[in-house]
Amino acid sequence: MTGAETPRLSELEGAVLTEIGRRGHRTRFKVRRAFETSPSSSWSGSAGAVYPAIARLARAGLIAMEASATKRGTRLLSLTLDGEAALSAWTLDGETACAIGADPFRLRAGLWATAPQAEREDIVRRMRAAIQTELTKLETRTGLDVVEHTGNELAIRLQRLRLDWLDAFETQTQPPTPL
């Protein structure tokens, strides 16, 4: 890239640039590790996609790699000026940030109403337990930087909203009528 046009980043690419440029993870291993340890299953599942994303971003001129003084030949990552511009554009793209992305809960929710009563009760019970487990993990995380803390707080609020929705879903006497 020559700075002429800021590329549109995928969520993965934006997250990779965030890890390098804002969270200080300067090696490919540390960036991958941040994905692996993420409480989000979609991010932890993306760990294998991190190295190819870093390579793509480097080829696009958004990440610079410099040799380090270690025996392992580790290369230190940093954002180029074009990388900073791309990260800034991605960060400030409010329309895309507000888009409703893949959400397994939302995707399945309408189907739960079509399940037999006993199965609905079972899935609600199991989801409540899973959400409570997730909330406990989220609420006990410590040592978070501002980026992680903000995402963690939003995850807690989302899980609480899911519990509220399950309360309402449980009290429905019959499935909603399709539009």
N, C-alpha and C. Protein backbone atom coordinates (compact mmCIF):
# COMPACT_ATOMS: atom_id res chain seq x y z
N MET A 1 0.84 -1.18 0.00
CA MET A 1 0.00 0.00 0.00
C MET A 1 0.88 1.24 0.00
N THR A 2 0.38 2.24 -0.59
CA THR A 2 1.13 3.49 -0.62
C THR A 2 0.39 4.61 0.08
N GLY A 3 -0.65 4.29 0.78
CA GLY A 3 -1.40 5.30 1.49
C GLY A 3 -2.47 5.94 0.63
N ALA A 4 -2.53 5.60 -0.65
CA ALA A 4 -3.50 6.20 -1.55
C ALA A 4 -4.91 5.85 -1.14
N GLU A 5 -5.12 4.61 -0.75
CA GLU A 5 -6.46 4.18 -0.37
C GLU A 5 -6.34 3.25 0.83
N THR A 6 -7.13 3.55 1.86
CA THR A 6 -7.10 2.71 3.04
C THR A 6 -7.93 1.46 2.77
N PRO A 7 -7.33 0.28 2.94
CA PRO A 7 -8.07 -0.94 2.65
C PRO A 7 -9.17 -1.19 3.69
N ARG A 8 -10.23 -1.86 3.27
CA ARG A 8 -11.29 -2.24 4.20
C ARG A 8 -10.85 -3.55 4.85
N LEU A 9 -10.76 -3.54 6.16
CA LEU A 9 -10.28 -4.70 6.90
C LEU A 9 -11.43 -5.62 7.29
N SER A 10 -11.14 -6.91 7.33
CA SER A 10 -12.08 -7.86 7.92
C SER A 10 -12.01 -7.69 9.44
N GLU A 11 -12.95 -8.27 10.15
CA GLU A 11 -12.90 -8.19 11.61
C GLU A 11 -11.64 -8.86 12.14
N LEU A 12 -11.25 -9.97 11.56
CA LEU A 12 -10.03 -10.65 11.98
C LEU A 12 -8.82 -9.74 11.77
N GLU A 13 -8.73 -9.13 10.59
CA GLU A 13 -7.59 -8.27 10.30
C GLU A 13 -7.55 -7.06 11.23
N GLY A 14 -8.71 -6.47 11.49
CA GLY A 14 -8.77 -5.35 12.43
C GLY A 14 -8.34 -5.76 13.82
N ALA A 15 -8.77 -6.95 14.23
CA ALA A 15 -8.39 -7.45 15.56
C ALA A 15 -6.89 -7.73 15.62
N VAL A 16 -6.32 -8.26 14.55
CA VAL A 16 -4.87 -8.51 14.52
C VAL A 16 -4.11 -7.19 14.63
N LEU A 17 -4.53 -6.18 13.87
CA LEU A 17 -3.86 -4.88 13.96
C LEU A 17 -4.02 -4.28 15.35
N THR A 18 -5.16 -4.49 15.98
CA THR A 18 -5.38 -4.01 17.34
C THR A 18 -4.40 -4.66 18.30
N GLU A 19 -4.23 -5.97 18.18
CA GLU A 19 -3.31 -6.68 19.07
C GLU A 19 -1.89 -6.12 18.95
N ILE A 20 -1.49 -5.80 17.74
CA ILE A 20 -0.13 -5.30 17.51
C ILE A 20 -0.02 -3.83 17.88
N GLY A 21 -0.93 -3.02 17.35
CA GLY A 21 -0.81 -1.57 17.47
C GLY A 21 -1.33 -0.97 18.76
N ARG A 22 -2.27 -1.63 19.42
CA ARG A 22 -2.86 -1.03 20.62
C ARG A 22 -2.61 -1.84 21.88
N ARG A 23 -2.40 -3.13 21.73
CA ARG A 23 -2.21 -3.98 22.91
C ARG A 23 -0.75 -4.38 23.09
N GLY A 24 0.10 -4.00 22.15
CA GLY A 24 1.53 -4.22 22.31
C GLY A 24 2.03 -5.63 22.10
N HIS A 25 1.25 -6.46 21.45
CA HIS A 25 1.72 -7.82 21.16
C HIS A 25 2.57 -7.75 19.89
N ARG A 26 3.87 -7.84 20.07
CA ARG A 26 4.80 -7.57 18.98
C ARG A 26 5.32 -8.80 18.27
N THR A 27 4.88 -10.01 18.66
CA THR A 27 5.31 -11.21 17.94
C THR A 27 4.08 -11.95 17.44
N ARG A 28 4.30 -12.75 16.41
CA ARG A 28 3.19 -13.53 15.88
C ARG A 28 2.62 -14.46 16.95
N PHE A 29 3.51 -15.05 17.76
CA PHE A 29 3.06 -15.95 18.82
C PHE A 29 2.15 -15.22 19.80
N LYS A 30 2.53 -14.02 20.25
CA LYS A 30 1.71 -13.29 21.22
C LYS A 30 0.36 -12.89 20.63
N VAL A 31 0.34 -12.54 19.36
CA VAL A 31 -0.95 -12.21 18.72
C VAL A 31 -1.82 -13.45 18.68
N ARG A 32 -1.27 -14.57 18.23
CA ARG A 32 -2.04 -15.82 18.18
C ARG A 32 -2.52 -16.21 19.57
N ARG A 33 -1.66 -16.06 20.56
CA ARG A 33 -2.02 -16.42 21.94
C ARG A 33 -3.18 -15.57 22.45
N ALA A 34 -3.22 -14.30 22.08
CA ALA A 34 -4.34 -13.44 22.48
C ALA A 34 -5.66 -13.98 21.93
N PHE A 35 -5.64 -14.51 20.72
CA PHE A 35 -6.84 -15.10 20.13
C PHE A 35 -7.19 -16.41 20.84
N GLU A 36 -6.17 -17.23 21.11
CA GLU A 36 -6.41 -18.52 21.76
C GLU A 36 -7.03 -18.37 23.14
N THR A 37 -6.63 -17.35 23.86
CA THR A 37 -7.11 -17.17 25.23
C THR A 37 -8.34 -16.28 25.32
N SER A 38 -8.86 -15.87 24.19
CA SER A 38 -10.05 -15.01 24.18
C SER A 38 -11.25 -15.77 24.73
N PRO A 39 -12.09 -15.09 25.50
CA PRO A 39 -13.31 -15.75 25.98
C PRO A 39 -14.34 -15.97 24.87
N SER A 40 -14.14 -15.33 23.74
CA SER A 40 -15.05 -15.50 22.61
C SER A 40 -14.68 -16.75 21.82
N SER A 41 -15.62 -17.66 21.67
CA SER A 41 -15.32 -18.90 20.94
C SER A 41 -14.96 -18.62 19.49
N SER A 42 -15.54 -17.59 18.90
CA SER A 42 -15.20 -17.31 17.50
C SER A 42 -13.77 -16.79 17.38
N TRP A 43 -13.29 -16.02 18.37
CA TRP A 43 -11.90 -15.56 18.31
C TRP A 43 -10.94 -16.67 18.66
N SER A 44 -11.24 -17.45 19.69
CA SER A 44 -10.33 -18.53 20.05
C SER A 44 -10.24 -19.55 18.92
N GLY A 45 -11.34 -19.73 18.19
CA GLY A 45 -11.34 -20.63 17.05
C GLY A 45 -10.59 -20.06 15.85
N SER A 46 -10.31 -18.76 15.87
CA SER A 46 -9.60 -18.12 14.76
C SER A 46 -8.09 -18.14 14.92
N ALA A 47 -7.60 -18.71 16.01
CA ALA A 47 -6.16 -18.68 16.27
C ALA A 47 -5.35 -19.21 15.09
N GLY A 48 -5.85 -20.25 14.42
CA GLY A 48 -5.15 -20.81 13.28
C GLY A 48 -5.13 -19.90 12.06
N ALA A 49 -6.00 -18.92 12.06
CA ALA A 49 -6.06 -17.97 10.94
C ALA A 49 -5.17 -16.76 11.16
N VAL A 50 -4.58 -16.65 12.34
CA VAL A 50 -3.81 -15.46 12.68
C VAL A 50 -2.54 -15.34 11.85
N TYR A 51 -1.75 -16.39 11.75
CA TYR A 51 -0.50 -16.30 11.00
C TYR A 51 -0.75 -15.94 9.53
N PRO A 52 -1.70 -16.57 8.87
CA PRO A 52 -1.98 -16.15 7.48
C PRO A 52 -2.46 -14.70 7.40
N ALA A 53 -3.24 -14.24 8.39
CA ALA A 53 -3.70 -12.85 8.37
C ALA A 53 -2.52 -11.90 8.54
N ILE A 54 -1.60 -12.24 9.44
CA ILE A 54 -0.41 -11.40 9.62
C ILE A 54 0.38 -11.33 8.32
N ALA A 55 0.53 -12.47 7.66
CA ALA A 55 1.27 -12.49 6.39
C ALA A 55 0.58 -11.61 5.34
N ARG A 56 -0.75 -11.71 5.25
CA ARG A 56 -1.51 -10.88 4.30
C ARG A 56 -1.32 -9.39 4.61
N LEU A 57 -1.43 -9.04 5.89
CA LEU A 57 -1.31 -7.64 6.28
C LEU A 57 0.10 -7.12 6.04
N ALA A 58 1.10 -7.98 6.21
CA ALA A 58 2.48 -7.57 5.92
C ALA A 58 2.66 -7.36 4.41
N ARG A 59 2.12 -8.28 3.60
CA ARG A 59 2.21 -8.12 2.13
C ARG A 59 1.51 -6.86 1.66
N ALA A 60 0.44 -6.49 2.36
CA ALA A 60 -0.32 -5.29 2.00
C ALA A 60 0.36 -4.02 2.51
N GLY A 61 1.46 -4.17 3.25
CA GLY A 61 2.19 -3.02 3.74
C GLY A 61 1.62 -2.41 5.00
N LEU A 62 0.80 -3.15 5.74
CA LEU A 62 0.17 -2.63 6.95
C LEU A 62 0.94 -3.01 8.21
N ILE A 63 1.73 -4.07 8.11
CA ILE A 63 2.56 -4.53 9.23
C ILE A 63 4.00 -4.59 8.75
N ALA A 64 4.89 -4.07 9.59
CA ALA A 64 6.33 -4.20 9.34
C ALA A 64 6.86 -5.30 10.25
N MET A 65 7.81 -6.07 9.73
CA MET A 65 8.45 -7.12 10.51
C MET A 65 9.94 -6.86 10.52
N GLU A 66 10.50 -6.83 11.73
CA GLU A 66 11.95 -6.63 11.83
C GLU A 66 12.56 -7.74 12.66
N ALA A 67 13.74 -8.13 12.31
CA ALA A 67 14.43 -9.19 13.04
C ALA A 67 14.72 -8.73 14.46
N SER A 68 14.63 -9.67 15.39
CA SER A 68 14.97 -9.36 16.78
C SER A 68 16.33 -9.96 17.10
N ALA A 69 16.80 -9.67 18.27
CA ALA A 69 18.12 -10.16 18.68
C ALA A 69 18.04 -11.55 19.32
N THR A 70 16.92 -12.22 19.20
CA THR A 70 16.78 -13.53 19.84
C THR A 70 17.37 -14.63 18.96
N LYS A 71 17.74 -15.74 19.60
CA LYS A 71 18.29 -16.87 18.87
C LYS A 71 17.22 -17.55 18.01
N ARG A 72 15.97 -17.40 18.39
CA ARG A 72 14.88 -18.05 17.66
C ARG A 72 14.58 -17.39 16.32
N GLY A 73 15.10 -16.23 16.10
CA GLY A 73 14.81 -15.53 14.85
C GLY A 73 13.42 -14.89 14.86
N THR A 74 12.93 -14.61 16.04
CA THR A 74 11.63 -13.97 16.16
C THR A 74 11.64 -12.64 15.43
N ARG A 75 10.55 -12.38 14.75
CA ARG A 75 10.42 -11.10 14.05
C ARG A 75 9.45 -10.23 14.82
N LEU A 76 9.84 -9.01 15.10
CA LEU A 76 9.00 -8.08 15.84
C LEU A 76 8.05 -7.37 14.88
N LEU A 77 6.80 -7.31 15.29
CA LEU A 77 5.75 -6.72 14.47
C LEU A 77 5.46 -5.30 14.91
N SER A 78 5.17 -4.45 13.96
CA SER A 78 4.71 -3.10 14.25
C SER A 78 3.82 -2.66 13.09
N LEU A 79 3.01 -1.67 13.35
CA LEU A 79 2.16 -1.14 12.29
C LEU A 79 2.93 -0.09 11.51
N THR A 80 2.75 -0.13 10.20
CA THR A 80 3.30 0.92 9.35
C THR A 80 2.35 2.11 9.43
N LEU A 81 2.71 3.21 8.79
CA LEU A 81 1.78 4.35 8.74
C LEU A 81 0.47 3.95 8.06
N ASP A 82 0.57 3.15 7.00
CA ASP A 82 -0.65 2.66 6.34
C ASP A 82 -1.43 1.74 7.27
N GLY A 83 -0.72 0.96 8.09
CA GLY A 83 -1.39 0.09 9.05
C GLY A 83 -2.12 0.90 10.11
N GLU A 84 -1.49 1.97 10.59
CA GLU A 84 -2.15 2.86 11.56
C GLU A 84 -3.40 3.48 10.94
N ALA A 85 -3.30 3.91 9.68
CA ALA A 85 -4.46 4.50 9.01
C ALA A 85 -5.57 3.48 8.84
N ALA A 86 -5.20 2.26 8.46
CA ALA A 86 -6.21 1.21 8.27
C ALA A 86 -6.88 0.85 9.60
N LEU A 87 -6.08 0.76 10.68
CA LEU A 87 -6.65 0.47 11.99
C LEU A 87 -7.57 1.59 12.44
N SER A 88 -7.17 2.81 12.21
CA SER A 88 -8.01 3.95 12.58
C SER A 88 -9.33 3.93 11.80
N ALA A 89 -9.25 3.69 10.51
CA ALA A 89 -10.48 3.63 9.69
C ALA A 89 -11.38 2.50 10.16
N TRP A 90 -10.81 1.35 10.45
CA TRP A 90 -11.59 0.20 10.93
C TRP A 90 -12.23 0.52 12.28
N THR A 91 -11.45 1.10 13.19
CA THR A 91 -11.93 1.45 14.52
C THR A 91 -13.12 2.40 14.45
N LEU A 92 -13.05 3.37 13.55
CA LEU A 92 -14.07 4.42 13.47
C LEU A 92 -15.20 4.11 12.49
N ASP A 93 -15.24 2.90 11.96
CA ASP A 93 -16.32 2.48 11.05
C ASP A 93 -17.50 2.03 11.90
N GLY A 94 -18.28 2.99 12.37
CA GLY A 94 -19.39 2.70 13.26
C GLY A 94 -20.49 1.89 12.62
N GLU A 95 -20.73 2.09 11.34
CA GLU A 95 -21.80 1.36 10.66
C GLU A 95 -21.51 -0.14 10.66
N THR A 96 -20.29 -0.51 10.33
CA THR A 96 -19.94 -1.93 10.33
C THR A 96 -19.90 -2.47 11.76
N ALA A 97 -19.42 -1.67 12.70
CA ALA A 97 -19.36 -2.11 14.09
C ALA A 97 -20.75 -2.40 14.65
N CYS A 98 -21.76 -1.70 14.13
CA CYS A 98 -23.14 -1.89 14.63
C CYS A 98 -23.91 -2.97 13.86
N ALA A 99 -23.29 -3.53 12.84
CA ALA A 99 -23.97 -4.58 12.06
C ALA A 99 -24.18 -5.80 12.95
N ILE A 100 -25.25 -6.50 12.71
CA ILE A 100 -25.52 -7.71 13.47
C ILE A 100 -24.78 -8.84 12.79
N GLY A 101 -23.75 -9.31 13.43
CA GLY A 101 -22.93 -10.38 12.88
C GLY A 101 -23.48 -11.74 13.28
N ALA A 102 -22.67 -12.75 13.08
CA ALA A 102 -23.06 -14.11 13.43
C ALA A 102 -23.26 -14.21 14.93
N ASP A 103 -24.38 -14.73 15.34
CA ASP A 103 -24.69 -14.90 16.75
C ASP A 103 -25.45 -16.20 16.88
N PRO A 104 -24.82 -17.25 17.39
CA PRO A 104 -25.47 -18.56 17.45
C PRO A 104 -26.74 -18.55 18.30
N PHE A 105 -26.79 -17.74 19.33
CA PHE A 105 -27.98 -17.65 20.18
C PHE A 105 -29.16 -17.11 19.36
N ARG A 106 -28.92 -15.97 18.71
CA ARG A 106 -29.98 -15.34 17.92
C ARG A 106 -30.40 -16.23 16.75
N LEU A 107 -29.45 -16.90 16.14
CA LEU A 107 -29.75 -17.76 14.99
C LEU A 107 -30.68 -18.90 15.37
N ARG A 108 -30.53 -19.44 16.56
CA ARG A 108 -31.31 -20.60 16.99
C ARG A 108 -32.59 -20.22 17.75
N ALA A 109 -32.66 -19.01 18.29
CA ALA A 109 -33.74 -18.63 19.20
C ALA A 109 -35.13 -18.87 18.64
N GLY A 110 -35.36 -18.54 17.40
CA GLY A 110 -36.68 -18.76 16.80
C GLY A 110 -37.04 -20.23 16.69
N LEU A 111 -36.04 -21.07 16.57
CA LEU A 111 -36.29 -22.51 16.47
C LEU A 111 -36.67 -23.13 17.80
N TRP A 112 -36.21 -22.55 18.89
CA TRP A 112 -36.54 -23.10 20.21
C TRP A 112 -38.04 -23.08 20.44
N ALA A 113 -38.71 -22.08 19.91
CA ALA A 113 -40.16 -21.97 20.08
C ALA A 113 -40.90 -23.10 19.37
N THR A 114 -40.25 -23.71 18.39
CA THR A 114 -40.91 -24.79 17.64
C THR A 114 -40.66 -26.17 18.24
N ALA A 115 -39.79 -26.23 19.24
CA ALA A 115 -39.46 -27.51 19.86
C ALA A 115 -40.57 -27.94 20.83
N PRO A 116 -40.73 -29.23 21.04
CA PRO A 116 -41.69 -29.70 22.04
C PRO A 116 -41.38 -29.10 23.42
N GLN A 117 -42.39 -28.94 24.23
CA GLN A 117 -42.26 -28.29 25.54
C GLN A 117 -41.12 -28.86 26.38
N ALA A 118 -41.01 -30.17 26.47
CA ALA A 118 -39.97 -30.79 27.30
C ALA A 118 -38.57 -30.41 26.78
N GLU A 119 -38.41 -30.39 25.47
CA GLU A 119 -37.12 -30.01 24.89
C GLU A 119 -36.83 -28.53 25.11
N ARG A 120 -37.88 -27.68 25.01
CA ARG A 120 -37.70 -26.25 25.29
C ARG A 120 -37.22 -26.05 26.72
N GLU A 121 -37.87 -26.74 27.66
CA GLU A 121 -37.48 -26.60 29.06
C GLU A 121 -36.05 -27.06 29.28
N ASP A 122 -35.66 -28.14 28.61
CA ASP A 122 -34.31 -28.66 28.75
C ASP A 122 -33.28 -27.68 28.18
N ILE A 123 -33.54 -27.14 26.99
CA ILE A 123 -32.56 -26.23 26.38
C ILE A 123 -32.45 -24.95 27.20
N VAL A 124 -33.56 -24.46 27.73
CA VAL A 124 -33.51 -23.26 28.57
C VAL A 124 -32.68 -23.54 29.83
N ARG A 125 -32.89 -24.68 30.45
CA ARG A 125 -32.13 -25.05 31.65
C ARG A 125 -30.64 -25.13 31.33
N ARG A 126 -30.30 -25.79 30.24
CA ARG A 126 -28.89 -25.94 29.87
C ARG A 126 -28.26 -24.61 29.48
N MET A 127 -29.03 -23.76 28.78
CA MET A 127 -28.49 -22.45 28.41
C MET A 127 -28.27 -21.56 29.63
N ARG A 128 -29.21 -21.61 30.58
CA ARG A 128 -29.03 -20.83 31.81
C ARG A 128 -27.73 -21.24 32.51
N ALA A 129 -27.50 -22.54 32.60
CA ALA A 129 -26.28 -23.03 33.25
C ALA A 129 -25.04 -22.58 32.48
N ALA A 130 -25.08 -22.68 31.16
CA ALA A 130 -23.93 -22.27 30.34
C ALA A 130 -23.68 -20.76 30.46
N ILE A 131 -24.74 -19.98 30.46
CA ILE A 131 -24.59 -18.53 30.59
C ILE A 131 -24.04 -18.17 31.97
N GLN A 132 -24.55 -18.83 33.01
CA GLN A 132 -24.04 -18.56 34.36
C GLN A 132 -22.55 -18.91 34.47
N THR A 133 -22.15 -20.02 33.86
CA THR A 133 -20.74 -20.41 33.85
C THR A 133 -19.91 -19.35 33.14
N GLU A 134 -20.40 -18.90 31.99
CA GLU A 134 -19.70 -17.88 31.22
C GLU A 134 -19.63 -16.57 31.99
N LEU A 135 -20.72 -16.19 32.64
CA LEU A 135 -20.72 -14.96 33.43
C LEU A 135 -19.70 -15.03 34.56
N THR A 136 -19.60 -16.15 35.21
CA THR A 136 -18.61 -16.31 36.28
C THR A 136 -17.20 -16.11 35.74
N LYS A 137 -16.91 -16.71 34.60
CA LYS A 137 -15.59 -16.53 33.99
C LYS A 137 -15.33 -15.06 33.66
N LEU A 138 -16.32 -14.43 33.03
CA LEU A 138 -16.17 -13.04 32.61
C LEU A 138 -16.01 -12.11 33.81
N GLU A 139 -16.81 -12.35 34.84
CA GLU A 139 -16.80 -11.45 36.00
C GLU A 139 -15.57 -11.62 36.88
N THR A 140 -14.83 -12.70 36.71
CA THR A 140 -13.64 -12.92 37.54
C THR A 140 -12.33 -12.69 36.77
N ARG A 141 -12.42 -12.26 35.52
CA ARG A 141 -11.20 -11.95 34.77
C ARG A 141 -10.52 -10.74 35.38
N THR A 142 -9.21 -10.79 35.49
CA THR A 142 -8.46 -9.68 36.07
C THR A 142 -7.30 -9.30 35.16
N GLY A 143 -6.70 -8.17 35.46
CA GLY A 143 -5.51 -7.74 34.71
C GLY A 143 -5.81 -7.37 33.27
N LEU A 144 -7.02 -6.90 33.01
CA LEU A 144 -7.41 -6.57 31.64
C LEU A 144 -6.98 -5.16 31.29
N ASP A 145 -6.47 -4.98 30.08
CA ASP A 145 -6.19 -3.63 29.61
C ASP A 145 -7.52 -3.00 29.17
N VAL A 146 -7.49 -1.76 28.75
CA VAL A 146 -8.73 -1.04 28.42
C VAL A 146 -9.48 -1.72 27.27
N VAL A 147 -8.77 -2.27 26.31
CA VAL A 147 -9.42 -2.94 25.18
C VAL A 147 -10.16 -4.18 25.67
N GLU A 148 -9.47 -5.02 26.42
CA GLU A 148 -10.09 -6.25 26.94
C GLU A 148 -11.20 -5.94 27.94
N HIS A 149 -10.98 -4.95 28.81
CA HIS A 149 -11.98 -4.61 29.82
C HIS A 149 -13.30 -4.19 29.17
N THR A 150 -13.21 -3.36 28.15
CA THR A 150 -14.41 -2.89 27.47
C THR A 150 -15.15 -4.04 26.81
N GLY A 151 -14.43 -4.89 26.10
CA GLY A 151 -15.06 -6.05 25.47
C GLY A 151 -15.65 -7.00 26.49
N ASN A 152 -14.96 -7.17 27.61
CA ASN A 152 -15.44 -8.05 28.67
C ASN A 152 -16.74 -7.50 29.27
N GLU A 153 -16.79 -6.20 29.50
CA GLU A 153 -17.99 -5.58 30.06
C GLU A 153 -19.18 -5.75 29.11
N LEU A 154 -18.94 -5.58 27.82
CA LEU A 154 -20.03 -5.77 26.85
C LEU A 154 -20.47 -7.22 26.80
N ALA A 155 -19.54 -8.15 26.94
CA ALA A 155 -19.90 -9.58 26.96
C ALA A 155 -20.75 -9.90 28.18
N ILE A 156 -20.43 -9.32 29.32
CA ILE A 156 -21.23 -9.53 30.53
C ILE A 156 -22.65 -9.02 30.31
N ARG A 157 -22.76 -7.84 29.75
CA ARG A 157 -24.09 -7.26 29.50
C ARG A 157 -24.88 -8.10 28.51
N LEU A 158 -24.21 -8.61 27.48
CA LEU A 158 -24.90 -9.47 26.50
C LEU A 158 -25.43 -10.74 27.17
N GLN A 159 -24.62 -11.36 27.99
CA GLN A 159 -25.06 -12.59 28.66
C GLN A 159 -26.22 -12.31 29.61
N ARG A 160 -26.20 -11.17 30.28
CA ARG A 160 -27.32 -10.82 31.15
C ARG A 160 -28.59 -10.58 30.34
N LEU A 161 -28.46 -9.96 29.18
CA LEU A 161 -29.62 -9.76 28.30
C LEU A 161 -30.17 -11.10 27.82
N ARG A 162 -29.28 -12.03 27.56
CA ARG A 162 -29.73 -13.37 27.16
C ARG A 162 -30.53 -14.02 28.29
N LEU A 163 -30.08 -13.86 29.52
CA LEU A 163 -30.85 -14.40 30.65
C LEU A 163 -32.22 -13.74 30.74
N ASP A 164 -32.28 -12.43 30.55
CA ASP A 164 -33.57 -11.72 30.55
C ASP A 164 -34.48 -12.26 29.45
N TRP A 165 -33.90 -12.49 28.27
CA TRP A 165 -34.70 -13.01 27.14
C TRP A 165 -35.21 -14.41 27.48
N LEU A 166 -34.38 -15.23 28.08
CA LEU A 166 -34.81 -16.58 28.47
C LEU A 166 -35.94 -16.53 29.49
N ASP A 167 -35.90 -15.55 30.41
CA ASP A 167 -37.01 -15.38 31.36
C ASP A 167 -38.31 -15.15 30.61
N ALA A 168 -38.29 -14.25 29.65
CA ALA A 168 -39.49 -13.95 28.87
C ALA A 168 -39.91 -15.15 28.03
N PHE A 169 -38.94 -15.82 27.45
CA PHE A 169 -39.23 -16.99 26.60
C PHE A 169 -39.89 -18.09 27.42
N GLU A 170 -39.42 -18.30 28.63
CA GLU A 170 -39.98 -19.34 29.50
C GLU A 170 -41.44 -19.08 29.87
N THR A 171 -41.81 -17.83 29.97
CA THR A 171 -43.17 -17.51 30.40
C THR A 171 -44.17 -17.52 29.25
N GLN A 172 -43.68 -17.65 28.03
CA GLN A 172 -44.61 -17.75 26.89
C GLN A 172 -45.38 -19.04 26.99
N THR A 173 -46.69 -18.96 26.83
CA THR A 173 -47.50 -20.17 26.92
C THR A 173 -47.56 -20.91 25.61
N GLN A 174 -47.33 -20.22 24.52
CA GLN A 174 -47.30 -20.89 23.22
C GLN A 174 -46.32 -20.16 22.30
N PRO A 175 -45.84 -20.85 21.29
CA PRO A 175 -44.89 -20.23 20.38
C PRO A 175 -45.51 -19.01 19.68
N PRO A 176 -44.71 -17.99 19.37
CA PRO A 176 -45.24 -16.84 18.66
C PRO A 176 -45.74 -17.22 17.28
N THR A 177 -46.71 -16.50 16.80
CA THR A 177 -47.26 -16.72 15.46
C THR A 177 -46.30 -16.16 14.43
N PRO A 178 -45.97 -16.95 13.40
CA PRO A 178 -45.07 -16.43 12.36
C PRO A 178 -45.69 -15.24 11.64
N LEU A 179 -44.84 -14.36 11.15
CA LEU A 179 -45.31 -13.17 10.40
C LEU A 179 -45.91 -13.55 9.08
